[in-house]
């Protein structure tokens, strides 16, 4: 299933089933309420293809490793307490 993502700095803000829904939400909700943010719309396929890799440090071993930018700071980042406490 195709869906569209509103993203800022490779962090997913919201997912929508249609491009029209994403554009409507961006102009009506996000652009007005968050004018200083650099938001954009990408299809899910484009988003996955373009996400850059960033460095994080594993909390348990102290080793550096590369993860996708959209995972940084989340529950799938081994550099966070959340990753190790689940």
Protein backbone atom coordinates (compact mmCIF):
# COMPACT_ATOMS: atom_id res chain seq x y z
CA UNK A 1 0.00 0.00 0.00
CA UNK A 2 1.28 3.42 -0.94
CA UNK A 3 1.27 6.16 1.65
CA UNK A 4 2.76 9.61 2.04
CA UNK A 5 4.85 11.00 4.86
CA UNK A 6 5.21 14.50 6.26
CA UNK A 7 8.79 14.64 7.46
CA UNK A 8 11.18 17.07 9.12
CA UNK A 9 14.89 16.27 9.25
CA UNK A 10 14.11 12.60 8.49
CA UNK A 11 11.76 12.24 11.46
CA UNK A 12 8.25 11.17 10.53
CA UNK A 13 5.67 13.73 11.65
CA UNK A 14 2.58 11.98 10.25
CA UNK A 15 1.59 9.36 7.62
CA UNK A 16 -1.33 9.74 5.21
CA UNK A 17 -2.99 7.31 2.79
CA UNK A 18 -3.12 9.85 -0.06
CA UNK A 19 -0.89 12.61 -1.32
CA UNK A 20 -3.87 14.97 -1.29
CA UNK A 21 -4.46 14.22 2.41
CA UNK A 22 -0.81 14.90 3.21
CA UNK A 23 -0.80 18.19 1.28
CA UNK A 24 -4.03 19.32 2.94
CA UNK A 25 -2.69 18.55 6.42
CA UNK A 26 0.61 20.27 5.65
CA UNK A 27 -1.03 23.51 4.53
CA UNK A 28 -3.90 23.60 7.03
CA UNK A 29 -2.33 22.23 10.18
CA UNK A 30 1.43 21.93 10.17
CA UNK A 31 2.49 24.96 8.10
CA UNK A 32 0.30 27.32 10.15
CA UNK A 33 1.08 25.87 13.58
CA UNK A 34 4.80 25.27 12.93
CA UNK A 35 5.96 28.01 10.52
CA UNK A 36 9.66 27.71 11.48
CA UNK A 37 9.89 23.99 10.67
CA UNK A 38 11.23 22.61 7.38
CA UNK A 39 8.44 20.15 6.60
CA UNK A 40 8.09 18.26 3.33
CA UNK A 41 6.03 15.45 1.82
CA UNK A 42 7.55 12.25 0.42
CA UNK A 43 6.07 8.98 -0.71
CA UNK A 44 7.00 6.07 1.54
CA UNK A 45 9.20 4.58 -1.18
CA UNK A 46 11.09 7.86 -1.72
CA UNK A 47 11.48 8.34 2.02
CA UNK A 48 13.01 4.86 2.50
CA UNK A 49 15.31 5.33 -0.50
CA UNK A 50 16.63 8.72 0.64
CA UNK A 51 17.04 8.34 4.42
CA UNK A 52 20.73 8.92 5.22
CA UNK A 53 22.74 6.89 7.69
CA UNK A 54 23.92 8.59 10.90
CA UNK A 55 26.32 7.58 13.64
CA UNK A 56 25.24 6.53 17.11
CA UNK A 57 27.11 5.04 20.06
CA UNK A 58 25.94 1.77 21.56
CA UNK A 59 25.26 2.40 25.28
CA UNK A 60 26.32 -1.09 26.36
CA UNK A 61 29.51 -1.59 24.35
CA UNK A 62 30.51 2.02 23.64
CA UNK A 63 31.10 1.16 19.97
CA UNK A 64 30.09 3.49 17.16
CA UNK A 65 27.61 2.20 14.59
CA UNK A 66 25.53 3.53 11.73
CA UNK A 67 21.71 3.59 11.79
CA UNK A 68 19.06 5.24 9.65
CA UNK A 69 18.41 8.90 10.51
CA UNK A 70 14.71 8.25 11.17
CA UNK A 71 15.67 5.74 13.91
CA UNK A 72 17.98 8.13 15.76
CA UNK A 73 16.69 8.89 19.24
CA UNK A 74 13.87 6.35 19.02
CA UNK A 75 13.28 2.93 20.49
CA UNK A 76 15.35 1.25 17.74
CA UNK A 77 18.47 3.32 18.50
CA UNK A 78 21.00 1.31 20.59
CA UNK A 79 22.31 4.65 21.82
CA UNK A 80 19.18 5.24 23.92
CA UNK A 81 18.06 3.88 27.27
CA UNK A 82 14.70 2.93 25.75
CA UNK A 83 16.34 0.43 23.41
CA UNK A 84 17.98 -1.44 26.29
CA UNK A 85 15.11 -1.29 28.78
CA UNK A 86 12.49 -3.10 26.70
